Amino acid sequence: MDPMEGLRAAMAAVDAYYKERGIFQGRFGFGKSPALVVIDMAYGWTDPAYAGGSARLDAAVGAIRQLLPAARAKDVPVFYTTSPFRASPQPKSAEDFSPGFCRWDRRACEIDDRLRPEPSDHVVLKEHASAFAGTPLVGHLVARRVDTLLITGCSTSACVRATATDAKSCGR
């Protein structure tokens, strides 16, 4: 069996299970005061010169480039996340040196110029997967009465997911 066919069948079975029981069928809806959170679109992830970087993110960069002006035109606040630069890299992270690639440097932590933050945007430095863990993000959102987050970026199986999970936990 094709792995994708197996995955589709498993997802269909889960969907049928929930529909039969009438759970997870409601919609959360869209609030009145959204914010856009752009996760980890720094050079360390978008530039293939870094071990953690990949040109596969060019399509995501292109999509986010279309999203940013639309959000700003509606006065939707924009938040970016990235890792803080450390002179001494953390072991077992993207900061580890990999032969054949650029060493993790300040540039690796800078938001890709193709998605350059504007002066009204906020850049949140995060140490953990979630944009909420140990950062001032929730304070910024509460101060602006944000009730809906539009979350995009990379590291979707970790950082985007962790941020989305914490956003739900915070009622955003």
C-alpha atoms as a PDB file:
ATOM      1  CA  MET A   1       0.000   0.000   0.000  1.00  0.00           C
ATOM      2  CA  ASP A   2       1.220   3.501  -0.848  1.00  0.00           C
ATOM      3  CA  PRO A   3       2.125   5.296   2.418  1.00  0.00           C
ATOM      4  CA  MET A   4       0.039   8.332   1.428  1.00  0.00           C
ATOM      5  CA  GLU A   5      -2.939   6.106   0.699  1.00  0.00           C
ATOM      6  CA  GLY A   6      -2.561   4.561   4.156  1.00  0.00           C
ATOM      7  CA  LEU A   7      -2.352   8.012   5.749  1.00  0.00           C
ATOM      8  CA  ARG A   8      -5.469   9.184   3.901  1.00  0.00           C
ATOM      9  CA  ALA A   9      -7.354   6.078   5.036  1.00  0.00           C
ATOM     10  CA  ALA A  10      -6.265   6.603   8.651  1.00  0.00           C
ATOM     11  CA  MET A  11      -7.294  10.278   8.585  1.00  0.00           C
ATOM     12  CA  ALA A  12     -10.662   9.361   7.045  1.00  0.00           C
ATOM     13  CA  ALA A  13     -11.217   6.794   9.807  1.00  0.00           C
ATOM     14  CA  VAL A  14     -10.416   9.358  12.495  1.00  0.00           C
ATOM     15  CA  ASP A  15     -12.714  11.908  10.847  1.00  0.00           C
ATOM     16  CA  ALA A  16     -15.547   9.368  10.665  1.00  0.00           C
ATOM     17  CA  TYR A  17     -15.001   8.441  14.330  1.00  0.00           C
ATOM     18  CA  TYR A  18     -15.345  12.073  15.429  1.00  0.00           C
ATOM     19  CA  LYS A  19     -18.329  12.770  13.161  1.00  0.00           C
ATOM     20  CA  GLU A  20     -20.152   9.679  14.466  1.00  0.00           C
ATOM     21  CA  ARG A  21     -19.747  10.982  18.030  1.00  0.00           C
ATOM     22  CA  GLY A  22     -20.436  14.606  17.176  1.00  0.00           C
ATOM     23  CA  ILE A  23     -17.159  15.856  18.683  1.00  0.00           C
ATOM     24  CA  PHE A  24     -14.659  18.318  17.226  1.00  0.00           C
ATOM     25  CA  GLN A  25     -17.231  19.299  14.613  1.00  0.00           C
ATOM     26  CA  GLY A  26     -17.827  22.893  15.664  1.00  0.00           C
ATOM     27  CA  ARG A  27     -15.968  25.803  14.189  1.00  0.00           C
ATOM     28  CA  PHE A  28     -13.877  28.105  16.311  1.00  0.00           C
ATOM     29  CA  GLY A  29     -14.547  31.063  14.073  1.00  0.00           C
ATOM     30  CA  PHE A  30     -12.571  34.185  13.480  1.00  0.00           C
ATOM     31  CA  GLY A  31     -12.404  36.908  16.094  1.00  0.00           C
ATOM     32  CA  LYS A  32     -12.574  40.667  15.723  1.00  0.00           C
ATOM     33  CA  SER A  33      -8.950  41.499  16.420  1.00  0.00           C
ATOM     34  CA  PRO A  34      -6.375  39.276  14.673  1.00  0.00           C
ATOM     35  CA  ALA A  35      -2.581  39.349  14.677  1.00  0.00           C
ATOM     36  CA  LEU A  36      -0.129  37.659  12.339  1.00  0.00           C
ATOM     37  CA  VAL A  37       2.731  35.608  13.803  1.00  0.00           C
ATOM     38  CA  VAL A  38       5.567  34.654  11.443  1.00  0.00           C
ATOM     39  CA  ILE A  39       7.580  31.815  12.963  1.00  0.00           C
ATOM     40  CA  ASP A  40      11.331  31.390  12.434  1.00  0.00           C
ATOM     41  CA  MET A  41      11.724  32.823   8.959  1.00  0.00           C
ATOM     42  CA  ALA A  42      15.335  33.767   9.739  1.00  0.00           C
ATOM     43  CA  TYR A  43      18.315  33.017   7.512  1.00  0.00           C
ATOM     44  CA  GLY A  44      19.318  30.017   9.628  1.00  0.00           C
ATOM     45  CA  TRP A  45      16.183  28.344   8.236  1.00  0.00           C
ATOM     46  CA  THR A  46      15.701  30.026   4.847  1.00  0.00           C
ATOM     47  CA  ASP A  47      19.302  30.076   3.556  1.00  0.00           C
ATOM     48  CA  PRO A  48      20.649  26.694   2.407  1.00  0.00           C
ATOM     49  CA  ALA A  49      24.168  27.853   3.297  1.00  0.00           C
ATOM     50  CA  TYR A  50      23.255  26.968   6.909  1.00  0.00           C
ATOM     51  CA  ALA A  51      22.851  23.330   7.934  1.00  0.00           C
ATOM     52  CA  GLY A  52      19.275  24.041   9.113  1.00  0.00           C
ATOM     53  CA  GLY A  53      18.419  26.144   6.063  1.00  0.00           C
ATOM     54  CA  SER A  54      16.610  25.066   2.935  1.00  0.00           C
ATOM     55  CA  ALA A  55      15.655  26.548  -0.420  1.00  0.00           C
ATOM     56  CA  ARG A  56      12.441  24.522  -0.031  1.00  0.00           C
ATOM     57  CA  LEU A  57      11.215  27.458   2.055  1.00  0.00           C
ATOM     58  CA  ASP A  58      11.279  29.785  -0.965  1.00  0.00           C
ATOM     59  CA  ALA A  59       7.613  28.967  -1.660  1.00  0.00           C
ATOM     60  CA  ALA A  60       6.711  29.751   1.957  1.00  0.00           C
ATOM     61  CA  VAL A  61       8.669  33.014   1.744  1.00  0.00           C
ATOM     62  CA  GLY A  62       6.714  33.899  -1.407  1.00  0.00           C
ATOM     63  CA  ALA A  63       3.372  33.162   0.255  1.00  0.00           C
ATOM     64  CA  ILE A  64       4.261  35.135   3.388  1.00  0.00           C
ATOM     65  CA  ARG A  65       5.398  38.049   1.201  1.00  0.00           C
ATOM     66  CA  GLN A  66       1.830  38.193  -0.133  1.00  0.00           C
ATOM     67  CA  LEU A  67       0.306  37.861   3.333  1.00  0.00           C
ATOM     68  CA  LEU A  68       2.319  40.646   5.009  1.00  0.00           C
ATOM     69  CA  PRO A  69       1.018  43.616   2.970  1.00  0.00           C
ATOM     70  CA  ALA A  70      -2.544  42.291   3.219  1.00  0.00           C
ATOM     71  CA  ALA A  71      -2.242  42.106   7.016  1.00  0.00           C
ATOM     72  CA  ARG A  72      -0.635  45.530   7.292  1.00  0.00           C
ATOM     73  CA  ALA A  73      -3.296  47.086   5.041  1.00  0.00           C
ATOM     74  CA  LYS A  74      -5.901  45.939   7.583  1.00  0.00           C
ATOM     75  CA  ASP A  75      -3.817  47.219  10.548  1.00  0.00           C
ATOM     76  CA  VAL A  76      -3.241  43.649  11.731  1.00  0.00           C
ATOM     77  CA  PRO A  77      -0.200  43.648  14.030  1.00  0.00           C
ATOM     78  CA  VAL A  78       2.690  41.516  12.789  1.00  0.00           C
ATOM     79  CA  PHE A  79       4.993  39.551  15.088  1.00  0.00           C
ATOM     80  CA  TYR A  80       8.072  37.651  13.989  1.00  0.00           C
ATOM     81  CA  THR A  81       9.972  35.088  16.014  1.00  0.00           C
ATOM     82  CA  THR A  82      13.599  34.085  15.832  1.00  0.00           C
ATOM     83  CA  SER A  83      16.276  32.625  18.054  1.00  0.00           C
ATOM     84  CA  PRO A  84      18.642  34.891  19.945  1.00  0.00           C
ATOM     85  CA  PHE A  85      22.264  34.726  18.804  1.00  0.00           C
ATOM     86  CA  ARG A  86      24.674  33.163  21.280  1.00  0.00           C
ATOM     87  CA  ALA A  87      28.446  33.216  20.882  1.00  0.00           C
ATOM     88  CA  SER A  88      28.535  29.739  22.458  1.00  0.00           C
ATOM     89  CA  PRO A  89      26.103  27.513  20.540  1.00  0.00           C
ATOM     90  CA  GLN A  90      23.732  25.204  22.349  1.00  0.00           C
ATOM     91  CA  PRO A  91      24.620  21.554  21.798  1.00  0.00           C
ATOM     92  CA  LYS A  92      22.269  19.427  19.724  1.00  0.00           C
ATOM     93  CA  SER A  93      20.611  22.343  17.974  1.00  0.00           C
ATOM     94  CA  ALA A  94      20.698  23.996  14.570  1.00  0.00           C
ATOM     95  CA  GLU A  95      23.534  26.052  16.013  1.00  0.00           C
ATOM     96  CA  ASP A  96      25.852  23.006  16.026  1.00  0.00           C
ATOM     97  CA  PHE A  97      28.609  23.290  13.446  1.00  0.00           C
ATOM     98  CA  SER A  98      28.133  21.014  10.444  1.00  0.00           C
ATOM     99  CA  PRO A  99      31.093  20.733   8.067  1.00  0.00           C
ATOM    100  CA  GLY A 100      30.312  22.140   4.644  1.00  0.00           C
ATOM    101  CA  PHE A 101      27.850  24.726   5.962  1.00  0.00           C
ATOM    102  CA  CYS A 102      28.118  28.230   7.401  1.00  0.00           C
ATOM    103  CA  ARG A 103      28.655  28.435  11.125  1.00  0.00           C
ATOM    104  CA  TRP A 104      25.647  29.721  13.034  1.00  0.00           C
ATOM    105  CA  ASP A 105      26.196  33.460  13.333  1.00  0.00           C
ATOM    106  CA  ARG A 106      24.218  36.661  13.975  1.00  0.00           C
ATOM    107  CA  ARG A 107      22.900  36.601  10.412  1.00  0.00           C
ATOM    108  CA  ALA A 108      21.385  33.139  10.991  1.00  0.00           C
ATOM    109  CA  CYS A 109      19.087  34.740  13.591  1.00  0.00           C
ATOM    110  CA  GLU A 110      18.061  37.713  11.430  1.00  0.00           C
ATOM    111  CA  ILE A 111      14.693  37.662   9.671  1.00  0.00           C
ATOM    112  CA  ASP A 112      15.180  36.998   5.964  1.00  0.00           C
ATOM    113  CA  ASP A 113      15.298  40.333   4.100  1.00  0.00           C
ATOM    114  CA  ARG A 114      12.626  39.096   1.711  1.00  0.00           C
ATOM    115  CA  LEU A 115      10.284  39.298   4.736  1.00  0.00           C
ATOM    116  CA  ARG A 116      11.901  42.305   6.377  1.00  0.00           C
ATOM    117  CA  PRO A 117      10.014  43.554   9.426  1.00  0.00           C
ATOM    118  CA  GLU A 118       8.712  47.098   9.260  1.00  0.00           C
ATOM    119  CA  PRO A 119       9.228  49.532  12.167  1.00  0.00           C
ATOM    120  CA  SER A 120       5.703  48.864  13.460  1.00  0.00           C
ATOM    121  CA  ASP A 121       6.305  45.087  13.571  1.00  0.00           C
ATOM    122  CA  HIS A 122       7.658  43.213  16.579  1.00  0.00           C
ATOM    123  CA  VAL A 123      10.482  40.682  16.612  1.00  0.00           C
ATOM    124  CA  VAL A 124      10.210  38.237  19.503  1.00  0.00           C
ATOM    125  CA  LEU A 125      13.329  36.335  20.549  1.00  0.00           C
ATOM    126  CA  LYS A 126      12.474  32.844  21.703  1.00  0.00           C
ATOM    127  CA  GLU A 127      14.489  30.084  23.359  1.00  0.00           C
ATOM    128  CA  HIS A 128      11.868  27.354  22.934  1.00  0.00           C
ATOM    129  CA  ALA A 129       9.637  26.004  20.186  1.00  0.00           C
ATOM    130  CA  SER A 130       6.572  28.043  21.177  1.00  0.00           C
ATOM    131  CA  ALA A 131       6.498  31.785  20.531  1.00  0.00           C
ATOM    132  CA  PHE A 132       4.788  32.068  23.938  1.00  0.00           C
ATOM    133  CA  ALA A 133       7.279  30.179  26.152  1.00  0.00           C
ATOM    134  CA  GLY A 134       9.336  32.700  28.103  1.00  0.00           C
ATOM    135  CA  THR A 135       8.589  35.616  25.751  1.00  0.00           C
ATOM    136  CA  PRO A 136       6.532  38.821  26.059  1.00  0.00           C
ATOM    137  CA  LEU A 137       4.247  37.790  23.184  1.00  0.00           C
ATOM    138  CA  VAL A 138       1.118  37.194  25.271  1.00  0.00           C
ATOM    139  CA  GLY A 139       1.517  40.625  26.883  1.00  0.00           C
ATOM    140  CA  HIS A 140       1.658  42.286  23.452  1.00  0.00           C
ATOM    141  CA  LEU A 141      -1.434  40.369  22.344  1.00  0.00           C
ATOM    142  CA  VAL A 142      -3.427  41.194  25.478  1.00  0.00           C
ATOM    143  CA  ALA A 143      -2.453  44.877  25.251  1.00  0.00           C
ATOM    144  CA  ARG A 144      -3.817  44.961  21.688  1.00  0.00           C
ATOM    145  CA  ARG A 145      -6.887  42.890  22.610  1.00  0.00           C
ATOM    146  CA  VAL A 146      -5.948  40.283  20.001  1.00  0.00           C
ATOM    147  CA  ASP A 147      -8.429  37.402  19.942  1.00  0.00           C
ATOM    148  CA  THR A 148      -7.268  35.524  16.823  1.00  0.00           C
ATOM    149  CA  LEU A 149      -3.816  34.490  15.631  1.00  0.00           C
ATOM    150  CA  LEU A 150      -2.860  33.821  12.054  1.00  0.00           C
ATOM    151  CA  ILE A 151       0.252  31.658  12.395  1.00  0.00           C
ATOM    152  CA  THR A 152       2.674  30.932   9.571  1.00  0.00           C
ATOM    153  CA  GLY A 153       6.336  30.153   9.175  1.00  0.00           C
ATOM    154  CA  CYS A 154       8.619  27.162   9.241  1.00  0.00           C
ATOM    155  CA  SER A 155       9.429  24.291  11.580  1.00  0.00           C
ATOM    156  CA  THR A 156       5.747  23.436  11.336  1.00  0.00           C
ATOM    157  CA  SER A 157       5.998  20.118  13.164  1.00  0.00           C
ATOM    158  CA  ALA A 158       7.534  21.828  16.183  1.00  0.00           C
ATOM    159  CA  CYS A 159       7.559  25.622  16.413  1.00  0.00           C
ATOM    160  CA  VAL A 160       4.362  26.440  14.507  1.00  0.00           C
ATOM    161  CA  ARG A 161       2.494  23.597  16.202  1.00  0.00           C
ATOM    162  CA  ALA A 162       3.772  24.537  19.676  1.00  0.00           C
ATOM    163  CA  THR A 163       2.774  28.157  19.088  1.00  0.00           C
ATOM    164  CA  ALA A 164      -0.687  27.138  17.852  1.00  0.00           C
ATOM    165  CA  THR A 165      -1.172  24.848  20.854  1.00  0.00           C
ATOM    166  CA  ASP A 166      -0.138  27.575  23.298  1.00  0.00           C
ATOM    167  CA  ALA A 167      -2.292  30.138  21.465  1.00  0.00           C
ATOM    168  CA  LYS A 168      -5.327  27.907  21.984  1.00  0.00           C
ATOM    169  CA  SER A 169      -4.376  27.448  25.645  1.00  0.00           C
ATOM    170  CA  CYS A 170      -4.162  31.242  26.030  1.00  0.00           C
ATOM    171  CA  GLY A 171      -7.544  31.725  24.360  1.00  0.00           C
ATOM    172  CA  ARG A 172      -6.121  33.293  21.230  1.00  0.00           C
END
